[in-house]
N, C-alpha and C. Protein backbone atom coordinates (compact mmCIF):
# COMPACT_ATOMS: atom_id res chain seq x y z
N UNK A 1 -180.72 127.31 296.97
CA UNK A 1 -182.02 127.12 297.59
C UNK A 1 -182.59 128.48 297.97
N UNK A 2 -183.81 128.74 297.59
CA UNK A 2 -184.43 130.02 297.90
C UNK A 2 -185.11 129.96 299.25
N UNK A 3 -184.94 131.01 300.05
CA UNK A 3 -185.61 131.13 301.35
C UNK A 3 -186.76 132.12 301.17
N UNK A 4 -187.97 131.67 301.51
CA UNK A 4 -189.15 132.49 301.39
C UNK A 4 -189.46 133.13 302.75
N UNK A 5 -190.04 134.34 302.69
CA UNK A 5 -190.39 135.08 303.92
C UNK A 5 -191.86 135.46 303.83
N UNK A 6 -192.58 135.17 304.90
CA UNK A 6 -193.99 135.52 304.99
C UNK A 6 -194.23 136.17 306.36
N UNK A 7 -195.18 137.11 306.42
CA UNK A 7 -195.52 137.74 307.69
C UNK A 7 -197.02 137.96 307.76
N UNK A 8 -197.56 137.78 308.95
CA UNK A 8 -198.97 138.02 309.21
C UNK A 8 -199.09 138.77 310.53
N UNK A 9 -200.06 139.68 310.60
CA UNK A 9 -200.32 140.44 311.81
C UNK A 9 -201.82 140.33 312.12
N UNK A 10 -202.11 140.25 313.42
CA UNK A 10 -203.50 140.21 313.86
C UNK A 10 -203.62 140.84 315.24
N UNK A 11 -204.53 141.79 315.37
CA UNK A 11 -204.81 142.36 316.68
C UNK A 11 -205.77 141.46 317.41
N UNK A 12 -205.42 141.17 318.66
CA UNK A 12 -206.26 140.29 319.48
C UNK A 12 -206.65 141.08 320.72
N UNK A 13 -207.93 141.49 320.82
CA UNK A 13 -208.34 142.18 322.05
C UNK A 13 -208.44 141.16 323.19
N UNK A 14 -208.11 141.62 324.37
CA UNK A 14 -208.22 140.76 325.53
C UNK A 14 -207.05 140.98 326.46
N UNK A 15 -206.97 140.10 327.44
CA UNK A 15 -205.93 140.16 328.45
C UNK A 15 -204.63 139.57 327.87
N UNK A 16 -203.56 140.37 327.80
CA UNK A 16 -202.31 139.86 327.23
C UNK A 16 -201.81 138.56 327.89
N UNK A 17 -202.02 138.42 329.20
CA UNK A 17 -201.58 137.20 329.87
C UNK A 17 -202.37 135.99 329.41
N UNK A 18 -203.69 136.16 329.19
CA UNK A 18 -204.51 135.06 328.68
C UNK A 18 -204.14 134.72 327.24
N UNK A 19 -203.85 135.73 326.48
CA UNK A 19 -203.46 135.52 325.07
C UNK A 19 -202.16 134.74 325.03
N UNK A 20 -201.16 135.17 325.82
CA UNK A 20 -199.89 134.44 325.88
C UNK A 20 -200.12 133.02 326.36
N UNK A 21 -200.95 132.84 327.40
CA UNK A 21 -201.17 131.51 327.94
C UNK A 21 -201.72 130.58 326.86
N UNK A 22 -202.61 131.09 326.02
CA UNK A 22 -203.17 130.26 324.94
C UNK A 22 -202.08 129.86 323.94
N UNK A 23 -201.32 130.83 323.44
CA UNK A 23 -200.37 130.54 322.39
C UNK A 23 -199.09 129.85 322.89
N UNK A 24 -198.84 129.89 324.17
CA UNK A 24 -197.65 129.24 324.70
C UNK A 24 -197.92 127.82 325.12
N UNK A 25 -199.10 127.31 324.87
CA UNK A 25 -199.43 125.90 325.12
C UNK A 25 -199.51 125.19 323.79
N UNK A 26 -198.53 124.35 323.47
CA UNK A 26 -198.47 123.71 322.16
C UNK A 26 -199.73 122.92 321.75
N UNK A 27 -200.47 122.39 322.73
CA UNK A 27 -201.64 121.62 322.35
C UNK A 27 -202.70 122.47 321.66
N UNK A 28 -202.65 123.77 321.85
CA UNK A 28 -203.61 124.65 321.18
C UNK A 28 -203.35 124.82 319.69
N UNK A 29 -202.18 124.40 319.24
CA UNK A 29 -201.88 124.46 317.80
C UNK A 29 -202.89 123.61 317.00
N UNK A 30 -203.31 122.50 317.61
CA UNK A 30 -204.28 121.64 316.94
C UNK A 30 -205.60 122.38 316.75
N UNK A 31 -205.95 123.26 317.67
CA UNK A 31 -207.22 124.00 317.56
C UNK A 31 -207.22 125.05 316.47
N UNK A 32 -206.03 125.48 316.03
CA UNK A 32 -205.96 126.55 315.03
C UNK A 32 -205.37 126.07 313.70
N UNK A 33 -205.36 124.74 313.51
CA UNK A 33 -204.85 124.15 312.27
C UNK A 33 -206.03 123.57 311.48
N UNK A 34 -206.08 123.77 310.17
CA UNK A 34 -207.19 123.25 309.37
C UNK A 34 -207.37 121.74 309.53
N UNK A 35 -208.60 121.29 309.65
CA UNK A 35 -208.90 119.86 309.88
C UNK A 35 -208.35 119.00 308.76
N UNK A 36 -208.37 119.52 307.51
CA UNK A 36 -207.92 118.69 306.39
C UNK A 36 -206.43 118.33 306.46
N UNK A 37 -205.70 119.00 307.36
CA UNK A 37 -204.28 118.66 307.54
C UNK A 37 -204.10 117.44 308.45
N UNK A 38 -205.21 117.01 309.09
CA UNK A 38 -205.15 115.83 309.98
C UNK A 38 -204.00 115.92 310.97
N UNK A 39 -203.89 117.05 311.62
CA UNK A 39 -202.81 117.37 312.53
C UNK A 39 -202.99 116.64 313.87
N UNK A 40 -202.02 115.83 314.26
CA UNK A 40 -202.08 115.09 315.51
C UNK A 40 -200.75 115.25 316.26
N UNK A 41 -200.83 115.71 317.49
CA UNK A 41 -199.62 115.83 318.32
C UNK A 41 -199.28 114.45 318.88
N UNK A 42 -198.02 114.05 318.73
CA UNK A 42 -197.56 112.77 319.22
C UNK A 42 -196.86 112.89 320.57
N UNK A 43 -196.30 114.03 320.86
CA UNK A 43 -195.57 114.25 322.12
C UNK A 43 -196.54 114.38 323.31
N UNK A 44 -196.03 114.02 324.49
CA UNK A 44 -196.81 114.16 325.71
C UNK A 44 -196.64 115.60 326.22
N UNK A 45 -197.49 116.50 325.73
CA UNK A 45 -197.35 117.91 326.09
C UNK A 45 -198.60 118.51 326.69
N UNK A 46 -199.62 117.69 326.89
CA UNK A 46 -200.91 118.21 327.40
C UNK A 46 -200.68 118.97 328.71
N UNK A 47 -201.19 120.21 328.73
CA UNK A 47 -201.10 121.01 329.95
C UNK A 47 -199.75 121.64 330.21
N UNK A 48 -198.80 121.42 329.32
CA UNK A 48 -197.43 121.94 329.56
C UNK A 48 -197.23 123.24 328.79
N UNK A 49 -196.66 124.22 329.48
CA UNK A 49 -196.27 125.45 328.81
C UNK A 49 -194.93 125.20 328.13
N UNK A 50 -194.73 125.84 326.99
CA UNK A 50 -193.50 125.63 326.26
C UNK A 50 -192.29 126.18 326.98
N UNK A 51 -191.13 125.64 326.64
CA UNK A 51 -189.86 126.09 327.19
C UNK A 51 -188.79 125.91 326.12
N UNK A 52 -187.68 126.63 326.26
CA UNK A 52 -186.59 126.48 325.30
C UNK A 52 -186.09 125.05 325.32
N UNK A 53 -185.95 124.49 324.11
CA UNK A 53 -185.50 123.13 323.98
C UNK A 53 -186.63 122.11 323.87
N UNK A 54 -187.85 122.56 324.10
CA UNK A 54 -188.99 121.64 324.02
C UNK A 54 -189.11 121.11 322.58
N UNK A 55 -189.21 119.79 322.46
CA UNK A 55 -189.41 119.14 321.18
C UNK A 55 -190.87 118.71 321.08
N UNK A 56 -191.49 119.03 319.96
CA UNK A 56 -192.89 118.69 319.76
C UNK A 56 -192.95 117.88 318.45
N UNK A 57 -193.47 116.66 318.55
CA UNK A 57 -193.58 115.80 317.36
C UNK A 57 -195.05 115.70 316.98
N UNK A 58 -195.32 115.85 315.67
CA UNK A 58 -196.66 115.82 315.14
C UNK A 58 -196.73 114.79 314.01
N UNK A 59 -197.93 114.35 313.72
CA UNK A 59 -198.23 113.69 312.46
C UNK A 59 -199.15 114.64 311.72
N UNK A 60 -198.91 114.82 310.45
CA UNK A 60 -199.70 115.75 309.65
C UNK A 60 -199.82 115.19 308.24
N UNK A 61 -200.91 115.53 307.58
CA UNK A 61 -201.16 115.11 306.20
C UNK A 61 -201.38 116.34 305.35
N UNK A 62 -200.30 117.04 304.99
CA UNK A 62 -200.47 118.32 304.29
C UNK A 62 -200.84 118.21 302.81
N UNK A 63 -200.57 117.08 302.21
CA UNK A 63 -200.78 116.96 300.77
C UNK A 63 -201.25 115.56 300.40
N UNK A 64 -202.34 115.49 299.68
CA UNK A 64 -202.86 114.24 299.14
C UNK A 64 -203.13 113.18 300.23
N UNK A 65 -203.35 113.63 301.46
CA UNK A 65 -203.62 112.72 302.56
C UNK A 65 -202.43 111.87 303.00
N UNK A 66 -201.24 112.22 302.49
CA UNK A 66 -200.06 111.46 302.87
C UNK A 66 -199.59 111.86 304.27
N UNK A 67 -199.42 110.88 305.12
CA UNK A 67 -199.00 111.12 306.50
C UNK A 67 -197.50 111.37 306.59
N UNK A 68 -197.11 112.35 307.36
CA UNK A 68 -195.69 112.55 307.58
C UNK A 68 -195.45 113.02 309.01
N UNK A 69 -194.24 112.77 309.46
CA UNK A 69 -193.81 113.22 310.80
C UNK A 69 -193.20 114.59 310.66
N UNK A 70 -193.54 115.44 311.61
CA UNK A 70 -192.96 116.79 311.67
C UNK A 70 -192.56 117.01 313.13
N UNK A 71 -191.31 117.39 313.34
CA UNK A 71 -190.82 117.68 314.69
C UNK A 71 -190.29 119.09 314.71
N UNK A 72 -190.72 119.86 315.72
CA UNK A 72 -190.22 121.21 315.87
C UNK A 72 -189.62 121.37 317.27
N UNK A 73 -188.67 122.26 317.34
CA UNK A 73 -188.03 122.60 318.64
C UNK A 73 -188.34 124.07 318.92
N UNK A 74 -188.71 124.34 320.17
CA UNK A 74 -188.82 125.73 320.64
C UNK A 74 -187.41 126.17 320.95
N UNK A 75 -186.86 127.02 320.10
CA UNK A 75 -185.45 127.40 320.26
C UNK A 75 -185.23 128.67 321.09
N UNK A 76 -186.20 129.54 321.13
CA UNK A 76 -186.10 130.76 321.91
C UNK A 76 -187.46 131.08 322.51
N UNK A 77 -187.44 131.60 323.71
CA UNK A 77 -188.69 132.03 324.31
C UNK A 77 -188.43 133.18 325.30
N UNK A 78 -189.23 134.18 325.18
CA UNK A 78 -189.25 135.28 326.15
C UNK A 78 -190.69 135.46 326.55
N UNK A 79 -191.06 134.93 327.73
CA UNK A 79 -192.48 134.86 328.11
C UNK A 79 -193.19 136.19 327.95
N UNK A 80 -194.35 136.11 327.33
CA UNK A 80 -195.18 137.28 327.09
C UNK A 80 -194.77 138.13 325.90
N UNK A 81 -193.62 137.82 325.31
CA UNK A 81 -193.08 138.66 324.22
C UNK A 81 -192.94 137.89 322.91
N UNK A 82 -192.25 136.77 322.92
CA UNK A 82 -192.06 136.01 321.69
C UNK A 82 -191.57 134.59 321.96
N UNK A 83 -191.74 133.74 320.94
CA UNK A 83 -191.09 132.46 320.92
C UNK A 83 -190.82 132.09 319.46
N UNK A 84 -189.87 131.18 319.28
CA UNK A 84 -189.47 130.74 317.94
C UNK A 84 -189.53 129.22 317.91
N UNK A 85 -190.17 128.69 316.87
CA UNK A 85 -190.10 127.26 316.62
C UNK A 85 -189.37 127.00 315.31
N UNK A 86 -188.56 125.94 315.31
CA UNK A 86 -187.80 125.56 314.15
C UNK A 86 -187.99 124.08 313.87
N UNK A 87 -188.22 123.75 312.60
CA UNK A 87 -188.38 122.37 312.22
C UNK A 87 -187.08 121.62 312.38
N UNK A 88 -187.17 120.43 312.97
CA UNK A 88 -186.01 119.52 313.05
C UNK A 88 -186.20 118.32 312.10
N UNK A 89 -187.43 117.88 311.95
CA UNK A 89 -187.77 116.81 310.98
C UNK A 89 -189.06 117.26 310.30
N UNK A 90 -189.12 117.12 309.00
CA UNK A 90 -190.36 117.47 308.33
C UNK A 90 -190.17 117.75 306.84
N UNK A 91 -191.21 118.32 306.25
CA UNK A 91 -191.22 118.46 304.80
C UNK A 91 -190.36 119.60 304.26
N UNK A 92 -189.95 120.51 305.09
CA UNK A 92 -189.21 121.69 304.62
C UNK A 92 -187.71 121.50 304.75
N UNK A 93 -186.96 122.12 303.88
CA UNK A 93 -185.50 122.16 304.04
C UNK A 93 -185.15 123.04 305.22
N UNK A 94 -185.98 124.07 305.45
CA UNK A 94 -185.82 124.99 306.57
C UNK A 94 -187.19 125.55 306.96
N UNK A 95 -187.43 125.68 308.25
CA UNK A 95 -188.64 126.29 308.78
C UNK A 95 -188.24 127.02 310.06
N UNK A 96 -188.39 128.34 310.04
CA UNK A 96 -188.04 129.20 311.18
C UNK A 96 -189.23 130.13 311.38
N UNK A 97 -189.98 129.92 312.48
CA UNK A 97 -191.24 130.63 312.69
C UNK A 97 -191.17 131.44 313.98
N UNK A 98 -191.18 132.76 313.84
CA UNK A 98 -191.15 133.67 314.99
C UNK A 98 -192.59 134.10 315.31
N UNK A 99 -192.91 134.05 316.60
CA UNK A 99 -194.24 134.49 317.08
C UNK A 99 -194.01 135.67 318.03
N UNK A 100 -194.51 136.83 317.67
CA UNK A 100 -194.32 138.05 318.50
C UNK A 100 -195.65 138.53 319.04
N UNK A 101 -195.62 139.00 320.29
CA UNK A 101 -196.80 139.50 320.98
C UNK A 101 -196.49 140.88 321.53
N UNK A 102 -197.04 141.89 320.89
CA UNK A 102 -196.76 143.28 321.30
C UNK A 102 -198.01 143.86 321.98
N UNK A 103 -197.85 144.33 323.23
CA UNK A 103 -199.02 144.94 323.88
C UNK A 103 -199.48 146.19 323.12
N UNK A 104 -200.79 146.25 322.91
CA UNK A 104 -201.43 147.43 322.32
C UNK A 104 -202.64 147.74 323.22
N UNK A 105 -203.20 148.89 323.04
CA UNK A 105 -204.36 149.27 323.85
C UNK A 105 -205.48 148.22 323.71
N UNK A 106 -205.81 147.63 324.82
CA UNK A 106 -206.93 146.67 324.85
C UNK A 106 -206.56 145.26 324.44
N UNK A 107 -205.28 144.96 324.24
CA UNK A 107 -204.92 143.61 323.82
C UNK A 107 -203.50 143.47 323.36
N UNK A 108 -203.34 142.73 322.27
CA UNK A 108 -202.03 142.36 321.76
C UNK A 108 -202.04 142.42 320.23
N UNK A 109 -200.94 142.88 319.66
CA UNK A 109 -200.71 142.74 318.22
C UNK A 109 -199.82 141.51 318.06
N UNK A 110 -200.37 140.47 317.46
CA UNK A 110 -199.60 139.24 317.25
C UNK A 110 -199.03 139.28 315.84
N UNK A 111 -197.74 139.01 315.74
CA UNK A 111 -197.08 138.98 314.43
C UNK A 111 -196.41 137.61 314.28
N UNK A 112 -196.70 136.95 313.16
CA UNK A 112 -196.04 135.71 312.78
C UNK A 112 -195.07 136.06 311.68
N UNK A 113 -193.82 135.73 311.84
CA UNK A 113 -192.80 135.92 310.81
C UNK A 113 -192.23 134.54 310.48
N UNK A 114 -192.39 134.14 309.24
CA UNK A 114 -191.97 132.79 308.83
C UNK A 114 -190.94 132.88 307.72
N UNK A 115 -189.86 132.15 307.91
CA UNK A 115 -188.87 131.92 306.83
C UNK A 115 -188.86 130.41 306.58
N UNK A 116 -188.98 130.03 305.33
CA UNK A 116 -188.94 128.62 305.00
C UNK A 116 -188.27 128.40 303.66
N UNK A 117 -187.80 127.18 303.46
CA UNK A 117 -187.18 126.79 302.19
C UNK A 117 -187.71 125.38 301.85
N UNK A 118 -187.81 125.13 300.56
CA UNK A 118 -188.30 123.86 300.06
C UNK A 118 -187.09 123.08 299.52
N UNK A 119 -187.02 121.78 299.83
CA UNK A 119 -185.94 120.98 299.26
C UNK A 119 -186.12 120.75 297.75
N UNK A 120 -185.19 120.08 297.15
CA UNK A 120 -185.24 119.64 295.75
C UNK A 120 -184.94 120.73 294.71
N UNK A 121 -184.20 121.75 295.11
CA UNK A 121 -183.70 122.73 294.16
C UNK A 121 -184.78 123.35 293.30
N UNK A 122 -184.58 123.38 291.96
CA UNK A 122 -185.55 124.00 291.06
C UNK A 122 -186.93 123.34 291.14
N UNK A 123 -186.99 122.03 291.41
CA UNK A 123 -188.29 121.38 291.56
C UNK A 123 -189.02 121.91 292.80
N UNK A 124 -188.26 122.17 293.85
CA UNK A 124 -188.83 122.75 295.06
C UNK A 124 -189.38 124.15 294.79
N UNK A 125 -188.68 124.92 293.98
CA UNK A 125 -189.15 126.26 293.64
C UNK A 125 -190.47 126.18 292.87
N UNK A 126 -190.56 125.24 291.96
CA UNK A 126 -191.81 125.05 291.20
C UNK A 126 -192.93 124.59 292.15
N UNK A 127 -192.59 123.62 293.04
CA UNK A 127 -193.60 123.14 294.00
C UNK A 127 -194.09 124.27 294.88
N UNK A 128 -193.19 125.15 295.29
CA UNK A 128 -193.59 126.29 296.14
C UNK A 128 -194.58 127.16 295.36
N UNK A 129 -194.24 127.45 294.12
CA UNK A 129 -195.10 128.32 293.30
C UNK A 129 -196.47 127.70 293.07
N UNK A 130 -196.49 126.40 292.78
CA UNK A 130 -197.77 125.75 292.42
C UNK A 130 -198.60 125.30 293.61
N UNK A 131 -197.93 124.92 294.74
CA UNK A 131 -198.67 124.29 295.83
C UNK A 131 -198.37 124.88 297.20
N UNK A 132 -197.10 124.88 297.58
CA UNK A 132 -196.70 125.12 298.98
C UNK A 132 -197.07 126.52 299.45
N UNK A 133 -196.74 127.54 298.66
CA UNK A 133 -197.02 128.91 299.10
C UNK A 133 -198.52 129.09 299.37
N UNK A 134 -199.36 128.55 298.49
CA UNK A 134 -200.81 128.65 298.66
C UNK A 134 -201.25 127.90 299.93
N UNK A 135 -200.65 126.73 300.18
CA UNK A 135 -200.99 125.96 301.37
C UNK A 135 -200.62 126.72 302.64
N UNK A 136 -199.43 127.30 302.65
CA UNK A 136 -198.97 128.06 303.83
C UNK A 136 -199.88 129.25 304.07
N UNK A 137 -200.19 129.99 303.02
CA UNK A 137 -201.10 131.12 303.13
C UNK A 137 -202.45 130.66 303.65
N UNK A 138 -202.95 129.54 303.15
CA UNK A 138 -204.24 129.02 303.58
C UNK A 138 -204.27 128.66 305.05
N UNK A 139 -203.18 128.08 305.54
CA UNK A 139 -203.10 127.72 306.95
C UNK A 139 -203.22 128.98 307.81
N UNK A 140 -202.47 130.01 307.46
CA UNK A 140 -202.46 131.22 308.28
C UNK A 140 -203.78 132.00 308.12
N UNK A 141 -204.39 131.96 306.96
CA UNK A 141 -205.71 132.59 306.78
C UNK A 141 -206.72 131.87 307.65
N UNK A 142 -206.65 130.54 307.67
CA UNK A 142 -207.54 129.76 308.54
C UNK A 142 -207.34 130.14 310.01
N UNK A 143 -206.08 130.21 310.43
CA UNK A 143 -205.78 130.58 311.83
C UNK A 143 -206.37 131.93 312.18
N UNK A 144 -206.22 132.90 311.28
CA UNK A 144 -206.78 134.22 311.51
C UNK A 144 -208.27 134.12 311.76
N UNK A 145 -208.96 133.36 310.95
CA UNK A 145 -210.41 133.18 311.12
C UNK A 145 -210.80 132.51 312.43
N UNK A 146 -210.06 131.47 312.78
CA UNK A 146 -210.33 130.76 314.04
C UNK A 146 -210.10 131.69 315.23
N UNK A 147 -209.01 132.44 315.17
CA UNK A 147 -208.72 133.38 316.28
C UNK A 147 -209.82 134.45 316.36
N UNK A 148 -210.31 134.92 315.21
CA UNK A 148 -211.42 135.87 315.22
C UNK A 148 -212.65 135.27 315.89
N UNK A 149 -212.90 133.99 315.64
CA UNK A 149 -214.03 133.34 316.32
C UNK A 149 -213.77 133.23 317.83
N UNK A 150 -212.55 132.92 318.22
CA UNK A 150 -212.20 132.87 319.63
C UNK A 150 -212.45 134.20 320.30
N UNK A 151 -212.09 135.29 319.58
CA UNK A 151 -212.31 136.65 320.11
C UNK A 151 -213.81 136.86 320.32
N UNK A 152 -214.63 136.51 319.34
CA UNK A 152 -216.08 136.67 319.47
C UNK A 152 -216.63 135.85 320.63
N UNK A 153 -216.02 134.68 320.86
CA UNK A 153 -216.47 133.79 321.93
C UNK A 153 -215.91 134.16 323.32
N UNK A 154 -215.07 135.21 323.36
CA UNK A 154 -214.52 135.65 324.65
C UNK A 154 -213.39 134.79 325.17
N UNK A 155 -212.71 134.07 324.29
CA UNK A 155 -211.64 133.14 324.70
C UNK A 155 -210.51 133.84 325.43
N UNK A 156 -210.25 135.11 325.09
CA UNK A 156 -209.07 135.79 325.62
C UNK A 156 -209.41 136.84 326.71
N UNK A 157 -210.57 136.69 327.33
CA UNK A 157 -210.94 137.59 328.43
C UNK A 157 -211.59 138.87 328.02
């Protein structure tokens, strides 16, 4: 099984505490996910800051409108610095997503580092090449655009 690695960086001007507060609240994930994924949080997490061991269950329709359950666990957290979410149930054979927040002049450099694997051996490799990699890139490109709009709107102070 092949493990794929992707990384994205984005400078976010603003107050680092406000930036952390936004990204450390799981309900905000819905705000930065493309509408066509029909992303719905099933867990009772409204207003809760994440913590190690937190389980978050979603319903999502990533392909052909097919609904699936996705559950992630927050496995590591260092407030203001980073957190890691890992898939426990979902479409991937493996999903390990690191979120890093590095203070820079006037804000934060946010880095997403993703390692993922697709099930089904050679068929999974083909699916990644034809569909999955493009979908993953599209999700993070969308997030970058939404965050840019939040910056323009003064969301982060």
